[in-house]
Protein backbone atom coordinates (compact mmCIF):
# COMPACT_ATOMS: atom_id res chain seq x y z
CA MET A 1 -0.06 -0.07 -0.11
CA ASP A 2 0.97 3.58 -0.64
CA SER A 3 1.70 5.07 2.75
CA VAL A 4 0.22 8.39 1.71
CA THR A 5 -2.64 7.81 -0.37
CA GLY A 6 -3.51 4.35 1.06
CA THR A 7 -3.93 2.96 -2.55
CA ALA A 8 -2.53 -0.42 -3.79
CA ILE A 9 0.74 -0.58 -5.31
CA SER A 10 1.04 -2.92 -8.15
CA GLY A 11 4.28 -4.45 -9.57
CA ALA A 12 6.03 -4.22 -6.19
CA SER A 13 8.73 -6.83 -5.57
CA VAL A 14 8.37 -8.65 -2.31
CA GLU A 15 10.82 -10.74 -0.45
CA ILE A 16 10.77 -12.66 2.82
CA GLU A 17 13.90 -13.74 4.44
CA ASN A 18 15.32 -15.89 7.30
CA ALA A 19 18.72 -15.10 8.57
CA GLY A 20 20.27 -13.98 5.29
CA LYS A 21 19.20 -17.04 3.42
CA ALA A 22 18.09 -16.80 -0.27
CA PRO A 23 14.80 -14.77 0.13
CA TYR A 24 11.23 -16.01 -1.18
CA GLN A 25 9.98 -13.54 -3.78
CA ALA A 26 6.71 -12.50 -5.23
CA THR A 27 5.28 -9.53 -7.09
CA SER A 28 2.10 -7.53 -6.21
CA ASN A 29 -0.88 -7.71 -8.51
CA ALA A 30 -3.05 -4.67 -9.66
CA GLN A 31 -4.84 -4.91 -6.21
CA GLY A 32 -1.32 -4.67 -4.51
CA ALA A 33 -1.89 -8.46 -3.20
CA PHE A 34 0.90 -11.08 -3.25
CA ARG A 35 1.06 -14.67 -2.29
CA ILE A 36 3.98 -16.92 -1.62
CA GLU A 37 3.49 -20.62 -1.38
CA GLY A 38 5.64 -23.34 0.00
CA VAL A 39 7.51 -21.44 2.74
CA ALA A 40 9.52 -23.70 5.18
CA ASP A 41 8.77 -23.31 8.77
CA GLY A 42 10.84 -20.56 10.36
CA THR A 43 11.05 -16.80 11.51
CA TYR A 44 10.97 -14.15 8.70
CA THR A 45 11.06 -10.58 8.03
CA ALA A 46 9.55 -8.86 4.87
CA LEU A 47 10.86 -6.29 2.49
CA ALA A 48 9.24 -4.72 -0.57
CA PHE A 49 10.87 -2.74 -3.47
CA LYS A 50 9.10 -0.46 -6.11
CA ASP A 51 10.53 2.19 -8.34
CA GLY A 52 9.53 5.64 -7.11
CA PHE A 53 9.08 4.39 -3.57
CA LEU A 54 11.50 4.34 -0.65
CA THR A 55 12.52 0.79 0.36
CA VAL A 56 11.41 0.58 4.01
CA ARG A 57 9.99 -1.89 6.51
CA ASP A 58 6.92 -0.52 8.15
CA GLU A 59 6.05 -1.37 11.67
CA ALA A 60 4.20 -4.55 10.75
CA ALA A 61 6.49 -5.91 8.38
CA ARG A 62 9.69 -5.05 10.21
CA LYS A 63 8.73 -7.39 13.18
CA PRO A 64 9.64 -10.91 12.73
CA PHE A 65 6.92 -13.29 12.05
CA HIS A 66 6.58 -17.17 12.27
CA VAL A 67 5.45 -19.34 9.62
CA VAL A 68 4.27 -22.96 10.67
CA GLY A 69 3.03 -25.47 8.09
CA GLY A 70 -0.68 -26.60 8.49
CA LEU A 71 -1.68 -23.32 10.12
CA ASP A 72 -3.61 -20.41 8.51
CA PRO A 73 -1.69 -18.17 6.04
CA VAL A 74 0.50 -15.36 7.54
CA GLN A 75 -1.19 -11.93 6.76
CA LEU A 76 1.22 -9.19 5.91
CA LYS A 77 0.62 -5.47 5.16
CA ILE A 78 3.49 -3.48 3.80
CA THR A 79 3.46 0.17 3.23
CA LEU A 80 5.89 1.94 1.03
CA THR A 81 6.49 5.82 1.14
CA PRO A 82 6.68 7.58 -2.29
CA ARG A 83 9.92 9.45 -3.18
CA SER A 84 9.49 13.32 -3.35
CA ARG A 85 10.69 15.83 -5.93
CA LEU A 86 12.23 19.11 -5.41
CA SER A 87 12.76 21.45 -8.57
CA GLY A 88 13.50 24.92 -9.44
CA HIS A 89 15.78 27.57 -11.12
CA VAL A 90 19.12 29.19 -10.47
CA LEU A 91 18.95 32.88 -11.29
CA ASP A 92 21.60 35.67 -11.18
CA GLY A 93 21.10 38.90 -9.36
CA ASN A 94 18.73 40.40 -11.92
CA GLY A 95 16.62 37.27 -12.02
CA ARG A 96 18.08 35.78 -15.22
CA PRO A 97 18.46 32.08 -15.57
CA VAL A 98 21.92 30.68 -14.91
CA ALA A 99 22.86 27.59 -16.92
CA GLY A 100 25.69 25.39 -15.52
CA ALA A 101 25.49 26.32 -11.83
CA GLY A 102 26.57 23.76 -9.34
CA ILE A 103 23.67 22.65 -6.99
CA LEU A 104 23.94 21.04 -3.65
CA LEU A 105 21.16 19.64 -1.54
CA LYS A 106 22.35 18.88 1.94
CA GLN A 107 20.33 17.00 4.79
CA GLY A 108 20.89 17.62 8.44
CA GLY A 109 22.50 14.36 8.78
CA GLY A 110 25.36 15.11 6.26
CA ALA A 111 23.72 13.42 3.36
CA ILE A 112 24.46 15.20 0.25
CA SER A 113 23.07 15.19 -3.50
CA SER A 114 24.60 17.43 -6.07
CA GLY A 115 23.73 18.27 -9.50
CA THR A 116 23.99 20.93 -12.24
CA SER A 117 21.42 23.50 -13.56
CA SER A 118 22.24 22.35 -17.23
CA ASP A 119 19.17 23.53 -19.01
CA THR A 120 18.98 26.85 -20.71
CA GLU A 121 16.50 27.98 -18.10
CA GLY A 122 18.76 27.15 -15.18
CA GLY A 123 16.59 24.45 -13.91
CA TYR A 124 17.42 21.62 -11.61
CA SER A 125 15.38 18.72 -10.16
CA PHE A 126 16.11 16.12 -7.35
CA ASP A 127 14.23 13.04 -6.45
CA VAL A 128 14.67 12.75 -2.64
CA ARG A 129 13.60 11.24 0.55
CA PRO A 130 11.25 13.08 2.60
CA GLY A 131 13.06 15.39 5.01
CA ALA A 132 14.48 18.86 5.73
CA TYR A 133 17.04 20.07 3.39
CA PHE A 134 19.36 22.98 2.80
CA LEU A 135 19.95 24.14 -0.91
CA SER A 136 22.90 25.88 -2.13
CA ALA A 137 24.19 27.06 -5.56
CA ARG A 138 27.40 28.33 -6.96
CA ALA A 139 28.01 30.15 -10.13
CA PRO A 140 29.90 28.57 -13.06
CA LEU A 141 33.33 30.11 -13.68
CA LYS A 142 32.14 31.35 -17.04
CA LEU A 143 29.54 33.70 -15.50
CA THR A 144 30.60 37.17 -15.36
CA PRO A 145 30.16 38.81 -11.97
CA PRO A 146 28.27 42.39 -11.84
CA ALA A 147 30.40 45.36 -13.19
CA PRO A 148 32.88 46.96 -10.90
CA VAL A 149 31.47 50.13 -9.11
CA GLY A 150 34.51 52.56 -9.10
CA ASP A 151 37.29 50.53 -7.66
CA GLN A 152 35.27 48.00 -5.96
CA HIS A 153 35.13 44.44 -7.73
CA TYR A 154 32.35 41.88 -7.29
CA ALA A 155 32.49 38.04 -7.31
CA TRP A 156 29.76 35.24 -7.04
CA ALA A 157 29.53 33.78 -3.64
CA LYS A 158 28.03 30.42 -2.61
CA THR A 159 24.43 31.11 -2.11
CA TRP A 160 22.01 29.26 -0.01
CA PHE A 161 18.22 29.06 -0.45
CA PRO A 162 16.58 31.53 -1.10
CA GLY A 163 19.30 33.86 -1.43
CA VAL A 164 21.77 34.29 1.45
CA THR A 165 25.55 33.50 1.90
CA ASP A 166 25.43 32.46 5.61
CA LEU A 167 24.42 28.90 6.30
CA THR A 168 22.93 29.97 9.59
CA ALA A 169 20.55 32.25 7.79
CA ALA A 170 19.60 29.78 5.06
CA GLN A 171 15.94 28.52 4.89
CA LYS A 172 15.25 24.72 5.30
CA ILE A 173 13.13 23.34 2.81
CA LEU A 174 10.75 20.65 4.28
CA ILE A 175 9.80 17.95 1.78
CA ARG A 176 6.88 15.72 2.80
CA PRO A 177 6.44 12.02 1.53
CA GLY A 178 5.29 11.98 -2.06
CA ALA A 179 5.42 15.86 -2.25
CA GLU A 180 6.36 17.53 -5.60
CA LEU A 181 7.83 21.08 -4.72
CA VAL A 182 8.36 23.32 -7.76
CA ASP A 183 9.67 26.77 -8.20
CA GLN A 184 12.21 26.67 -5.40
CA ASP A 185 14.21 29.23 -7.00
CA ILE A 186 17.64 30.50 -5.60
CA LYS A 187 19.15 33.78 -6.58
CA LEU A 188 22.84 33.97 -6.70
CA ILE A 189 24.51 36.88 -4.57
CA ALA A 190 27.77 38.74 -5.53
CA GLU A 191 29.81 39.92 -2.71
CA LYS A 192 32.57 42.64 -2.62
CA ALA A 193 35.84 41.10 -3.94
CA TYR A 194 39.40 41.67 -3.46
CA ALA A 195 42.88 40.45 -4.71
CA ILE A 196 45.51 38.24 -3.37
CA ARG A 197 49.09 38.87 -4.25
CA GLY A 198 51.93 36.81 -3.12
CA TYR A 199 54.98 34.67 -3.70
CA LEU A 200 55.65 30.99 -4.15
CA ARG A 201 59.04 29.94 -2.95
CA ASP A 202 60.95 26.68 -2.75
CA SER A 203 62.44 25.13 0.44
CA ASN A 204 65.61 27.36 0.15
CA GLY A 205 63.49 30.56 -0.18
CA ASP A 206 64.09 31.00 -3.78
CA PRO A 207 61.54 31.78 -6.41
CA ALA A 208 59.42 28.81 -7.75
CA PRO A 209 58.39 29.81 -11.00
CA GLN A 210 55.89 28.19 -13.64
CA LEU A 211 54.02 26.29 -10.77
CA ALA A 212 50.24 26.09 -10.40
CA ILE A 213 48.77 27.31 -7.33
CA THR A 214 45.29 26.60 -6.39
CA LEU A 215 42.78 28.58 -4.31
CA THR A 216 39.81 26.93 -2.57
CA ARG A 217 37.35 27.85 -0.02
CA SER A 218 38.14 26.31 3.32
CA ASP A 219 34.65 25.92 4.53
CA ASP A 220 33.37 24.57 1.21
CA SER A 221 34.58 21.02 0.24
CA GLN A 222 32.28 21.31 -2.88
CA ALA A 223 33.68 24.58 -4.13
CA LEU A 224 35.13 25.10 -7.44
CA GLN A 225 39.01 25.51 -7.61
CA ARG A 226 40.87 28.41 -9.12
CA THR A 227 44.44 28.19 -10.29
CA ALA A 228 47.07 30.75 -11.10
CA LEU A 229 50.58 30.31 -12.48
CA SER A 230 53.50 31.50 -10.66
CA ALA A 231 55.63 33.90 -12.57
CA LYS A 232 59.56 33.79 -13.04
CA ASP A 233 60.00 35.67 -9.53
CA GLY A 234 57.34 33.29 -8.05
CA SER A 235 54.68 35.87 -7.75
CA PHE A 236 51.12 35.10 -8.32
CA GLU A 237 47.76 36.88 -8.10
CA PHE A 238 44.06 36.04 -7.50
CA GLY A 239 41.35 38.60 -8.24
CA ASP A 240 37.67 38.63 -7.24
CA VAL A 241 38.25 36.76 -3.81
CA TYR A 242 35.38 37.55 -1.38
CA ASP A 243 35.61 37.77 2.36
CA GLY A 244 36.14 34.39 4.29
CA ASP A 245 38.51 31.78 4.89
CA TRP A 246 40.59 30.37 1.83
CA ARG A 247 43.40 27.96 1.37
CA LEU A 248 46.26 28.18 -0.99
CA SER A 249 48.15 25.16 -2.18
CA ALA A 250 50.87 24.26 -4.70
CA ARG A 251 52.90 21.19 -5.73
CA SER A 252 56.16 20.50 -7.43
CA ASP A 253 56.54 17.30 -9.24
CA ALA A 254 60.49 17.11 -9.07
CA GLU A 255 62.33 13.99 -8.05
CA VAL A 256 61.14 14.51 -4.54
CA VAL A 257 57.58 15.79 -4.65
CA SER A 258 57.20 19.04 -2.58
CA GLN A 259 54.05 20.80 -1.53
CA ALA A 260 53.03 24.20 -0.26
CA SER A 261 49.81 25.19 1.57
CA ALA A 262 48.60 28.07 3.69
CA ASN A 263 45.52 29.33 5.09
CA ILE A 264 44.33 32.98 4.56
CA THR A 265 41.55 35.07 5.79
CA MET A 266 40.12 37.98 3.46
CA ASN A 267 38.56 40.68 5.54
CA GLY A 268 37.58 43.62 3.50
CA GLN A 269 40.84 44.43 1.82
CA ASP A 270 43.55 43.20 -0.74
CA VAL A 271 46.18 40.85 0.82
CA GLU A 272 49.71 41.87 -0.46
CA GLY A 273 53.12 40.01 -0.40
CA PHE A 274 51.38 36.75 1.11
CA GLU A 275 54.11 34.00 0.99
CA ILE A 276 53.79 30.11 0.83
CA ARG A 277 56.85 27.86 0.80
CA LEU A 278 57.12 24.41 -0.87
CA ARG A 279 58.40 21.57 1.64
CA ALA A 280 59.50 18.05 1.15
CA PRO A 281 57.66 15.27 2.81
CA PHE A 282 58.80 13.49 5.95
CA ALA A 283 57.73 10.61 8.09
CA VAL A 284 56.03 10.65 11.52
CA PRO A 285 56.86 7.90 14.18
CA VAL A 286 53.98 6.21 15.70
CA GLU A 287 53.68 4.10 18.92
CA PHE A 288 50.88 2.05 20.04
CA ILE A 289 50.92 1.42 23.68
CA LEU A 290 49.01 -0.77 26.04
CA GLN A 291 48.66 0.96 29.46
CA THR A 292 47.70 -0.67 32.75
CA SER A 293 47.73 0.48 36.36
CA ASP A 294 51.30 -0.53 36.89
CA SER A 295 52.94 -0.89 33.43
CA THR A 296 53.15 -0.02 29.65
CA SER A 297 53.85 -2.17 26.92
CA ARG A 298 54.07 -1.76 23.16
CA ILE A 299 51.37 -3.47 21.06
CA SER A 300 51.23 -4.23 17.29
CA GLY A 301 48.09 -4.16 15.04
CA GLY A 302 47.35 -0.33 15.39
CA ASN A 303 46.75 2.07 12.52
CA VAL A 304 46.00 5.89 12.35
CA LEU A 305 45.38 8.36 9.87
CA LEU A 306 46.52 12.06 9.77
CA ALA A 307 43.50 14.09 8.36
CA PRO A 308 44.75 17.49 7.09
CA GLU A 309 42.74 20.58 8.16
CA PRO A 310 41.23 21.51 4.97
CA GLY A 311 40.38 17.94 3.71
CA GLY A 312 42.09 15.83 1.18
CA PRO A 313 44.15 12.53 1.27
CA SER A 314 44.81 11.20 4.73
CA PRO A 315 48.20 9.28 4.82
CA SER A 316 47.95 6.44 7.14
CA SER A 317 50.37 4.51 9.27
CA VAL A 318 52.46 1.46 8.01
CA THR A 319 54.49 -1.03 10.08
CA ASP A 320 58.01 -2.28 8.88
CA VAL A 321 59.48 -5.76 9.43
CA ASN A 322 60.89 -4.61 12.72
CA GLY A 323 57.48 -3.81 14.19
CA ASP A 324 58.06 -0.01 14.03
CA SER A 325 55.19 2.06 12.69
CA HIS A 326 55.18 5.46 10.95
CA VAL A 327 53.15 7.71 8.69
CA GLY A 328 54.92 8.71 5.58
CA ASN A 329 54.53 11.28 2.89
CA VAL A 330 53.48 14.01 5.62
CA TYR A 331 53.74 17.68 4.82
CA PRO A 332 53.97 20.39 7.37
CA GLY A 333 50.70 21.49 8.47
CA PRO A 334 47.62 21.05 10.96
CA TYR A 335 46.25 17.43 11.38
CA LEU A 336 43.72 15.58 13.33
CA VAL A 337 45.19 12.13 14.40
CA LYS A 338 42.46 9.55 13.86
CA ALA A 339 42.69 6.04 15.30
CA LEU A 340 41.34 3.29 13.32
CA PRO A 341 39.73 0.26 14.92
CA LEU A 342 42.26 -2.06 16.65
CA ALA A 343 41.42 -5.36 14.97
CA GLY A 344 41.43 -8.55 17.20
CA LYS A 345 42.27 -6.69 20.40
CA ALA A 346 39.82 -6.16 23.45
CA TYR A 347 41.26 -2.71 24.02
CA TYR A 348 39.95 0.84 23.70
CA LEU A 349 41.72 4.02 23.04
CA ALA A 350 42.38 6.07 26.06
CA SER A 351 44.55 8.88 24.94
CA ILE A 352 46.62 10.22 21.94
CA THR A 353 49.75 12.36 22.72
CA LEU A 354 52.25 14.34 20.76
CA GLY A 355 55.24 15.03 23.14
CA ASP A 356 53.72 15.86 26.47
CA ARG A 357 50.47 17.12 24.86
CA ASP A 358 47.05 15.09 24.85
CA VAL A 359 46.02 15.90 21.30
CA LEU A 360 42.90 13.55 21.26
CA GLY A 361 40.35 15.13 19.00
CA GLN A 362 42.37 18.20 18.31
CA MET A 363 43.92 19.79 15.37
CA VAL A 364 47.63 19.77 15.89
CA GLU A 365 50.58 21.33 13.92
CA ILE A 366 53.00 18.55 12.71
CA ASN A 367 56.30 19.62 11.30
CA SER A 368 59.40 17.60 10.16
CA GLY A 369 61.19 16.52 13.41
CA SER A 370 58.19 16.11 15.37
CA VAL A 371 58.19 13.70 18.26
CA PRO A 372 56.39 10.60 17.88
CA VAL A 373 52.65 10.25 18.05
CA LYS A 374 51.64 7.83 20.83
CA LEU A 375 48.33 6.08 21.26
CA PHE A 376 47.51 4.61 24.56
CA TYR A 377 45.09 1.80 24.99
CA ARG A 378 43.57 0.06 27.95
CA SER A 379 42.00 -3.33 28.46
CA ASP A 380 39.46 -2.40 31.35
CA GLY A 381 36.74 -1.36 28.88
CA GLY A 382 33.03 -1.41 29.81
CA THR A 383 30.04 -3.12 28.14
CA ILE A 384 26.55 -1.88 27.09
CA ARG A 385 24.06 -4.74 27.28
CA GLY A 386 20.40 -4.36 26.53
CA THR A 387 17.05 -5.34 24.90
CA VAL A 388 15.25 -3.55 21.95
CA GLU A 389 11.53 -3.90 21.82
CA ASP A 390 10.46 -5.93 18.61
CA CYS A 391 14.01 -5.61 17.27
CA GLY A 392 13.82 -7.57 14.11
CA ASN A 393 16.43 -6.34 11.67
CA ALA A 394 17.13 -3.01 13.50
CA THR A 395 20.61 -1.61 13.95
CA ILE A 396 21.81 -0.48 17.31
CA ALA A 397 24.23 2.44 17.21
CA ILE A 398 26.15 4.15 19.97
CA ALA A 399 28.29 7.16 20.02
CA PRO A 400 30.19 9.03 22.92
CA GLU A 401 28.98 12.13 24.33
CA ASP A 402 32.50 13.47 24.08
CA PRO A 403 33.02 15.18 20.87
CA ALA A 404 36.80 14.74 20.96
CA LEU A 405 36.26 10.99 21.00
CA GLN A 406 33.80 11.30 18.28
CA ARG A 407 36.29 13.09 16.04
CA ALA A 408 39.43 10.96 16.91
CA ASP A 409 38.47 7.37 17.51
CA MET A 410 36.95 5.65 14.38
CA ALA A 411 35.96 2.77 16.83
CA SER A 412 33.95 4.92 19.18
CA THR A 413 30.79 4.39 17.26
CA PRO A 414 30.20 0.69 16.98
CA ILE A 415 27.00 -0.75 15.72
CA ALA A 416 25.37 -4.14 16.51
CA HIS A 417 22.28 -6.23 15.78
CA CYS A 418 20.00 -8.24 17.86
CA THR A 419 20.00 -11.81 18.75
CA SER A 420 16.85 -13.91 18.25
CA ASP A 421 15.65 -12.86 21.70
CA ASN A 422 15.88 -9.15 21.04
CA ARG A 423 19.11 -8.75 22.85
CA PHE A 424 22.61 -7.06 22.16
CA GLU A 425 25.82 -6.54 23.72
CA ILE A 426 28.73 -3.98 22.80
CA HIS A 427 32.15 -4.56 24.47
CA ASN A 428 35.41 -2.82 25.00
CA LEU A 429 34.05 0.71 25.42
CA ARG A 430 35.99 3.67 26.80
CA PRO A 431 34.50 4.65 30.16
CA GLY A 432 32.27 7.70 29.71
CA ARG A 433 28.57 8.63 28.74
CA TYR A 434 27.10 7.32 25.46
CA TYR A 435 24.10 7.82 23.38
CA ALA A 436 22.20 4.68 22.35
CA PHE A 437 19.77 4.11 19.49
CA ALA A 438 18.01 1.39 17.58
CA PHE A 439 17.32 2.31 14.07
CA ASP A 440 14.79 0.51 11.76
CA GLN A 441 17.15 1.29 8.96
CA PHE A 442 20.68 2.39 8.90
CA GLU A 443 22.33 3.44 5.61
CA MET A 444 24.60 6.26 6.81
CA ASN A 445 28.44 5.85 7.06
CA ARG A 446 30.22 6.76 10.34
CA ALA A 447 30.83 10.42 9.37
CA GLU A 448 27.23 10.92 8.46
CA PHE A 449 25.97 9.37 11.65
CA VAL A 450 28.40 11.47 13.77
CA SER A 451 27.33 14.65 11.91
CA SER A 452 23.68 13.62 12.53
CA LEU A 453 23.89 13.27 16.25
CA PRO A 454 22.78 16.99 17.02
CA ALA A 455 19.59 16.24 15.32
CA LEU A 456 19.27 12.85 16.68
CA MET A 457 20.10 13.43 20.41
CA ASN A 458 16.19 13.65 21.22
CA ARG A 459 15.75 10.07 20.03
CA ALA A 460 18.63 8.69 22.22
CA VAL A 461 18.65 6.80 25.57
CA THR A 462 21.91 7.90 27.40
CA VAL A 463 23.89 5.36 29.30
CA GLU A 464 26.90 5.57 31.59
CA VAL A 465 29.74 3.13 30.79
CA LYS A 466 32.36 2.44 33.72
CA ALA A 467 35.52 0.53 33.57
CA SER A 468 35.25 -3.18 33.68
CA GLU A 469 31.47 -2.96 34.35
CA THR A 470 28.23 -3.65 32.36
CA ALA A 471 25.65 -1.13 31.85
CA SER A 472 21.98 -2.16 30.94
CA VAL A 473 19.78 -0.25 28.52
CA ASP A 474 16.50 -0.81 26.91
CA LEU A 475 15.74 0.67 23.56
CA LYS A 476 12.69 1.07 21.17
CA VAL A 477 13.15 1.13 17.45
CA THR A 478 12.87 4.46 15.72
CA ALA A 479 13.33 5.84 12.28
CA VAL A 480 16.74 7.26 11.39
CA ALA A 481 15.51 10.14 9.25
CA VAL A 482 17.01 13.36 10.48
CA PRO A 483 14.40 16.24 11.10
């Protein structure tokens, strides 16, 4: 059945499955009815698929049901929610359509859909799940900004619906199941723009000519990149740069690949004489240490990522034949040290240090000659044990309340599934407070789940985990959609 109109859905594919075994299948007829014969005795769950609808388990179908030969047929009612559509146009400051503009549709949980207003009328269209979204647009590079007024130049800024440059002032678009929202037009805004003039130098301080310098917006991973070529004296220039935080980067593909990067803030005026310098890569030693109340010892099997501040590739650690670990191809700059799950070990991450500093969850400047990064683990982790009412195929997800742990430990947000008696257990947890959820569907990756937490907290059950102890919690299944 259609969850919005209550009408029958014909041609839907229906599956019932038991513990991942090959499912029984059927197709609904014109009245939405289906029938599956010859089903072996057992416990099953149901799922249905149909183009134009979300693949969901409703409350009745999500619950496990039992099939026993010789009894009356099991009756199921499955409802599917129709997909929604959002469409509109991208316009310039004078209300004229803009073809080729980049469109970004962002949900509170971090889920992103992107597209391009490719037709001559600047139109865009998305088929989306119901929910609340932010919509943004950026002008194509070929779109000429408004003419200068005196000495003041202008540049197109990333614009949020309906026509603001600050995300906090943007209007959410609420899309209901099966709705078709049209004419959601977004008007691009041109900001006052200025110039960046500077020099690119090699590691010795000499000019680095004929190299591409890239300019990107620090707070916008989807922004278009702009490039300039350094002159004979290493000088470069970018015009039409509006206020905010930007990042400059360059690369020299010599025998030893060198890179340069720097952050720069535009604040109502030109920037003159800004210098960035190419640096050679280096290795950062890494140690993994098991810490007890009376001793410490090195352990193997650990892995870390160094995530650079502006985003991009994150080099990871490797271990040599002697058991020593390091992260190679690191360039000077700020990084977040991220610990990957420690496979096969009943330990939790206690702290991360650089020298005498605890850098867990913090951006830290790393340069050639830095002291080792040390990751300390402990074996006295706690356990969360609980039940989920009518669990079925629900996913149990937990996350620490501590934002530093959310950022730094990729094992801090484990998921689990119920046993046949609606129970679950999660072990080796760092002592502290956690949010616990049971979701009927869970299609997010870890990063999306963490970014969704502010919107999901009102659905969480909080639980305190203590060292070497077991905490109990009872959960109810909830939808994962972010409001």
